[in-house]
Amino acid sequence: MKPRRLLRRLQEAENANVRFSDLVRLMEACGFELKRTRGSHHVFAHPELTVILNLQEVRGQAKPYQVRQVARTIIDHGLTIEGSL
């Protein structure tokens, strides 16, 4: 799923059944960087925020509560997909 479409879906509170790879792509499009991976834990940080998000992949899916955390962070901080107006 394209980052722009997933962002729209998350803004509409559809947080279940999000593929891990799609969520990672969205976070990277919003400016987050993968800082480290240890086991199944992927730690992301944004260079302009003090927020650190930890994501885990379970059978190709992102955990629903972590999807909600990502959505809340993007919305609360007004992040947009890079290159969009």
N, C-alpha and C. Protein backbone atom coordinates (compact mmCIF):
# COMPACT_ATOMS: atom_id res chain seq x y z
N MET A 1 0.85 -1.17 0.00
CA MET A 1 0.00 0.00 0.00
C MET A 1 0.90 1.24 0.00
N LYS A 2 0.52 2.22 -0.76
CA LYS A 2 1.31 3.45 -0.85
C LYS A 2 1.18 4.24 0.45
N PRO A 3 2.26 4.93 0.85
CA PRO A 3 2.24 5.68 2.11
C PRO A 3 1.08 6.67 2.22
N ARG A 4 0.78 7.37 1.14
CA ARG A 4 -0.29 8.37 1.18
C ARG A 4 -1.64 7.72 1.48
N ARG A 5 -1.90 6.56 0.87
CA ARG A 5 -3.16 5.85 1.10
C ARG A 5 -3.24 5.31 2.53
N LEU A 6 -2.13 4.76 3.02
CA LEU A 6 -2.10 4.24 4.38
C LEU A 6 -2.30 5.36 5.39
N LEU A 7 -1.69 6.52 5.16
CA LEU A 7 -1.88 7.66 6.06
C LEU A 7 -3.35 8.06 6.11
N ARG A 8 -4.00 8.10 4.97
CA ARG A 8 -5.43 8.44 4.93
C ARG A 8 -6.23 7.40 5.72
N ARG A 9 -5.89 6.14 5.57
CA ARG A 9 -6.57 5.06 6.28
C ARG A 9 -6.39 5.19 7.79
N LEU A 10 -5.18 5.53 8.22
CA LEU A 10 -4.90 5.68 9.66
C LEU A 10 -5.61 6.89 10.23
N GLN A 11 -5.74 7.95 9.45
CA GLN A 11 -6.45 9.14 9.92
C GLN A 11 -7.93 8.85 10.10
N GLU A 12 -8.44 7.86 9.39
CA GLU A 12 -9.84 7.47 9.52
C GLU A 12 -10.03 6.39 10.58
N ALA A 13 -8.99 6.14 11.37
CA ALA A 13 -9.03 5.21 12.51
C ALA A 13 -9.18 3.76 12.10
N GLU A 14 -8.65 3.39 10.94
CA GLU A 14 -8.64 1.98 10.53
C GLU A 14 -7.25 1.44 10.84
N ASN A 15 -7.06 0.91 12.05
CA ASN A 15 -5.74 0.53 12.52
C ASN A 15 -5.44 -0.96 12.48
N ALA A 16 -6.42 -1.77 12.18
CA ALA A 16 -6.20 -3.21 12.19
C ALA A 16 -5.67 -3.67 10.83
N ASN A 17 -4.97 -4.77 10.84
CA ASN A 17 -4.49 -5.42 9.63
C ASN A 17 -3.63 -4.53 8.75
N VAL A 18 -2.59 -3.96 9.34
CA VAL A 18 -1.64 -3.15 8.58
C VAL A 18 -0.36 -3.97 8.44
N ARG A 19 0.10 -4.12 7.21
CA ARG A 19 1.34 -4.86 7.00
C ARG A 19 2.51 -4.06 7.58
N PHE A 20 3.44 -4.79 8.18
CA PHE A 20 4.60 -4.17 8.81
C PHE A 20 5.39 -3.36 7.78
N SER A 21 5.61 -3.93 6.61
CA SER A 21 6.39 -3.23 5.58
C SER A 21 5.72 -1.94 5.14
N ASP A 22 4.38 -1.92 5.09
CA ASP A 22 3.66 -0.70 4.73
C ASP A 22 3.82 0.37 5.80
N LEU A 23 3.77 -0.04 7.07
CA LEU A 23 3.92 0.92 8.16
C LEU A 23 5.32 1.50 8.18
N VAL A 24 6.33 0.67 7.93
CA VAL A 24 7.71 1.15 7.87
C VAL A 24 7.86 2.15 6.72
N ARG A 25 7.30 1.83 5.58
CA ARG A 25 7.37 2.73 4.41
C ARG A 25 6.71 4.08 4.73
N LEU A 26 5.57 4.05 5.43
CA LEU A 26 4.89 5.29 5.81
C LEU A 26 5.77 6.11 6.76
N MET A 27 6.34 5.44 7.76
CA MET A 27 7.17 6.16 8.73
C MET A 27 8.37 6.81 8.04
N GLU A 28 9.00 6.08 7.14
CA GLU A 28 10.15 6.64 6.42
C GLU A 28 9.72 7.81 5.54
N ALA A 29 8.54 7.72 4.94
CA ALA A 29 8.03 8.81 4.10
C ALA A 29 7.73 10.05 4.94
N CYS A 30 7.42 9.86 6.22
CA CYS A 30 7.13 10.98 7.12
C CYS A 30 8.38 11.50 7.81
N GLY A 31 9.54 10.95 7.49
CA GLY A 31 10.79 11.47 8.02
C GLY A 31 11.42 10.66 9.14
N PHE A 32 10.80 9.57 9.57
CA PHE A 32 11.39 8.74 10.61
C PHE A 32 12.55 7.94 10.03
N GLU A 33 13.52 7.65 10.89
CA GLU A 33 14.68 6.88 10.49
C GLU A 33 14.80 5.66 11.39
N LEU A 34 15.18 4.54 10.80
CA LEU A 34 15.43 3.33 11.57
C LEU A 34 16.76 3.51 12.28
N LYS A 35 16.73 3.53 13.60
CA LYS A 35 17.95 3.74 14.38
C LYS A 35 18.67 2.44 14.69
N ARG A 36 17.88 1.39 15.00
CA ARG A 36 18.50 0.09 15.24
C ARG A 36 17.46 -1.00 15.22
N THR A 37 17.94 -2.20 14.99
CA THR A 37 17.09 -3.38 15.04
C THR A 37 17.78 -4.37 15.96
N ARG A 38 17.00 -4.90 16.89
CA ARG A 38 17.54 -5.92 17.78
C ARG A 38 16.47 -6.98 17.93
N GLY A 39 16.71 -8.13 17.35
CA GLY A 39 15.69 -9.17 17.33
C GLY A 39 14.54 -8.71 16.47
N SER A 40 13.34 -8.75 17.03
CA SER A 40 12.16 -8.32 16.27
C SER A 40 11.81 -6.86 16.51
N HIS A 41 12.60 -6.18 17.34
CA HIS A 41 12.30 -4.78 17.68
C HIS A 41 13.02 -3.83 16.72
N HIS A 42 12.24 -2.99 16.08
CA HIS A 42 12.76 -1.97 15.17
C HIS A 42 12.51 -0.62 15.83
N VAL A 43 13.58 0.12 16.08
CA VAL A 43 13.47 1.40 16.79
C VAL A 43 13.61 2.53 15.77
N PHE A 44 12.58 3.39 15.73
CA PHE A 44 12.54 4.52 14.81
C PHE A 44 12.55 5.83 15.59
N ALA A 45 13.22 6.83 15.02
CA ALA A 45 13.23 8.17 15.61
C ALA A 45 13.08 9.18 14.48
N HIS A 46 12.56 10.33 14.84
CA HIS A 46 12.41 11.43 13.89
C HIS A 46 13.44 12.49 14.26
N PRO A 47 14.20 13.01 13.28
CA PRO A 47 15.26 13.96 13.61
C PRO A 47 14.78 15.26 14.26
N GLU A 48 13.52 15.63 14.06
CA GLU A 48 13.02 16.89 14.61
C GLU A 48 12.15 16.70 15.85
N LEU A 49 11.93 15.46 16.27
CA LEU A 49 11.07 15.18 17.42
C LEU A 49 11.86 14.38 18.45
N THR A 50 11.37 14.39 19.68
CA THR A 50 11.99 13.58 20.73
C THR A 50 11.30 12.22 20.86
N VAL A 51 10.41 11.92 19.93
CA VAL A 51 9.63 10.68 19.98
C VAL A 51 10.46 9.52 19.43
N ILE A 52 10.44 8.42 20.16
CA ILE A 52 11.06 7.18 19.71
C ILE A 52 9.96 6.13 19.67
N LEU A 53 9.83 5.45 18.53
CA LEU A 53 8.80 4.43 18.37
C LEU A 53 9.44 3.07 18.14
N ASN A 54 8.94 2.09 18.85
CA ASN A 54 9.42 0.72 18.76
C ASN A 54 8.35 -0.11 18.06
N LEU A 55 8.71 -0.75 16.96
CA LEU A 55 7.76 -1.58 16.23
C LEU A 55 8.23 -3.02 16.20
N GLN A 56 7.25 -3.93 16.19
CA GLN A 56 7.54 -5.35 16.08
C GLN A 56 6.67 -5.95 14.99
N GLU A 57 7.27 -6.86 14.24
CA GLU A 57 6.55 -7.56 13.19
C GLU A 57 6.09 -8.91 13.72
N VAL A 58 4.82 -9.22 13.49
CA VAL A 58 4.27 -10.52 13.89
C VAL A 58 3.59 -11.13 12.67
N ARG A 59 4.21 -12.13 12.11
CA ARG A 59 3.69 -12.80 10.91
C ARG A 59 3.36 -11.81 9.79
N GLY A 60 4.25 -10.86 9.57
CA GLY A 60 4.09 -9.90 8.48
C GLY A 60 3.22 -8.70 8.80
N GLN A 61 2.60 -8.70 9.98
CA GLN A 61 1.69 -7.61 10.36
C GLN A 61 2.32 -6.77 11.47
N ALA A 62 1.92 -5.51 11.52
CA ALA A 62 2.31 -4.64 12.63
C ALA A 62 1.31 -4.84 13.76
N LYS A 63 1.77 -4.72 14.98
CA LYS A 63 0.86 -4.86 16.12
C LYS A 63 -0.11 -3.69 16.14
N PRO A 64 -1.40 -3.96 16.36
CA PRO A 64 -2.42 -2.89 16.31
C PRO A 64 -2.14 -1.71 17.24
N TYR A 65 -1.67 -1.97 18.46
CA TYR A 65 -1.43 -0.85 19.38
C TYR A 65 -0.26 0.00 18.89
N GLN A 66 0.70 -0.61 18.20
CA GLN A 66 1.82 0.15 17.67
C GLN A 66 1.39 0.96 16.44
N VAL A 67 0.46 0.43 15.66
CA VAL A 67 -0.11 1.18 14.54
C VAL A 67 -0.81 2.42 15.07
N ARG A 68 -1.56 2.27 16.17
CA ARG A 68 -2.24 3.41 16.77
C ARG A 68 -1.23 4.45 17.28
N GLN A 69 -0.12 3.98 17.86
CA GLN A 69 0.92 4.91 18.33
C GLN A 69 1.50 5.71 17.17
N VAL A 70 1.78 5.03 16.07
CA VAL A 70 2.34 5.71 14.89
C VAL A 70 1.34 6.73 14.37
N ALA A 71 0.09 6.32 14.23
CA ALA A 71 -0.95 7.22 13.72
C ALA A 71 -1.10 8.44 14.62
N ARG A 72 -1.15 8.22 15.93
CA ARG A 72 -1.31 9.32 16.88
C ARG A 72 -0.11 10.27 16.81
N THR A 73 1.10 9.73 16.68
CA THR A 73 2.30 10.56 16.59
C THR A 73 2.28 11.41 15.32
N ILE A 74 1.95 10.80 14.19
CA ILE A 74 1.91 11.53 12.92
C ILE A 74 0.87 12.64 12.97
N ILE A 75 -0.30 12.33 13.50
CA ILE A 75 -1.39 13.31 13.55
C ILE A 75 -1.10 14.41 14.57
N ASP A 76 -0.67 14.03 15.78
CA ASP A 76 -0.42 15.02 16.84
C ASP A 76 0.68 16.01 16.48
N HIS A 77 1.70 15.54 15.75
CA HIS A 77 2.83 16.41 15.41
C HIS A 77 2.68 17.03 14.03
N GLY A 78 1.58 16.75 13.36
CA GLY A 78 1.32 17.36 12.05
C GLY A 78 2.31 16.94 10.98
N LEU A 79 2.82 15.72 11.08
CA LEU A 79 3.77 15.25 10.08
C LEU A 79 3.06 14.96 8.77
N THR A 80 3.76 15.20 7.67
CA THR A 80 3.22 14.89 6.35
C THR A 80 4.23 14.04 5.61
N ILE A 81 3.78 13.49 4.52
CA ILE A 81 4.67 12.71 3.68
C ILE A 81 5.60 13.67 2.97
N GLU A 82 6.90 13.41 3.04
CA GLU A 82 7.89 14.31 2.45
C GLU A 82 7.61 14.51 0.97
N GLY A 83 7.74 15.73 0.54
CA GLY A 83 7.52 16.05 -0.86
C GLY A 83 6.09 16.40 -1.18
N SER A 84 5.20 16.29 -0.19
CA SER A 84 3.80 16.66 -0.44
C SER A 84 3.53 18.05 0.11
N LEU A 85 2.57 18.70 -0.45
CA LEU A 85 2.22 20.05 0.00
C LEU A 85 1.08 20.03 0.97
